[in-house]
Amino acid sequence: MESTPAGENSASDERAVSRMSPMEKAAYRTMQQRRYTPHRVKVRKTGLDFALAWSVIGIFTVMGVAAIYLASAVLMPLTLAIVVGLILGLAADKLGNLGIPPMMTAFILSSLFAGLLLFVGSALAAPLSDLASRGPAMIEQAVDQLMPRLERISWLKRPIEAMTSGPVSPEAMLENSGAVLSTVAVGITPALVQTLIFFGGLMLFLGSRLSLRKALIIGFKDRARRLAAIRTLNSIERALGFYFATAIVLYAASAVVAAAAAMVGGLGNAVLWGLFAFLASFVPFLGITLITLSMAVAGLLVQDSILIGLLPAIVYFTVHGIIENLVTPAVMGRRLEINSFMVFVAIVFWTWMWGAIGAMLAVPLSLIVITIANELLPQTKLQPKLPG
């Protein structure tokens, strides 16, 4: 049986169509369209399909969290460098407008940041050394003053007797001091490596920030997505810069109050108290709690009256609470407002992952996520129906 060429079949079909009536031609065309038009088949998903999809998402989430935790020695300083680089982005743009090359701008800003850290460290060297020298005497004084009060609590008598009973030999003290020194030595080396990673990442990020922005924007194919990427990147830099500029001013005022309260309350080292209060303020909830408890304990140690001893902590807690809950939202506005529970969850999560640095990075990372969501997600709000 001989096969007929496709060209002859199409020609014969056209001749057959030409001899049809208009109604027959319309029916023929409809039949042809139905024959060659693809049809989408809707598959109804069951609960097992949704469970499978969410289980895959959960597995990758757990693997991602584990990777972040295991690579904390590298990811933590790099993330901190990126956040600090985004904060310094506006200053880098100002220097770039003056005609300074990007790498020179990165070197200037990184050097200024390192100089600021060295200045703070040198300013704290004398108070910290004095505190370390007076540490044993302060601990002995704290034990002498707090033990009579703690012994009044019945369920604490046995643990206190266990801690205070038994002689401490010089050999045991030497063994403990060696363990402490080895622990400090083991912790110093990774800290130095992470410091080098941080400053190297900060300088390189500031130097290549514009090229990274350009590569990220060009990575999107259509114009609408590129414009969205530009808006998102600009919003992130503005939000971080505005947040930290405002936070530095407000938390500096809170630190001045803490230093004044420590000076008037006789706690000593007012500068040290002020600096600790300033740094701790960048960790919401946990920072103010730590400083308040520390000032309360120090006040009870130096004052005989409980009310006078707690007065510096009460003053600091009240002023910081007013700044945190009234002044800060009024200055920053609703665009930078973050849900308190989500901030607390972020602080707990990142503290568990990366320690103290993670606690300080919790708010900036949350702010970045919220800014991206505000720029990319559709801002549709339901309008209530008014009567009449």
Foldseek 3Di string as FASTA:
>chain_A
DDDDDPVVVVVVVVVVLVPDDPVVNVVVVVVVCVVPPDDDDDDDDDPVVVVVVVVVVVVVVVVVLVVLQVCVLQVLLLVVLVLVLLLCVVVLVVVVVVVDAQLVSLVVVLVVVVVVVVVVVVVCPVVVVVCVVCVVVLVVLLCVQCVVVVCVDPVCVVVVCVVPDDDDDPVNVVVVVVVVVVVVVVVVVSVVVSVVSNSVSNSVCSSCVVVVLVVVLVVDPDPVVSVLSVVLSVLLSVLSNVLVVVLQVLQLVLLVLLLVLCVVLVLDPSVVLSVQSSVLVLQPPVSLVVSLVVQLSSLVSVDVDNCSSNVSSVRSSVSSVCCVPPVSCVVSDPLQDDDPVQLVVLLVSQCVRNNPSSSSCSSSVVSSVSSSCVSPPDPDDDDDDDDD
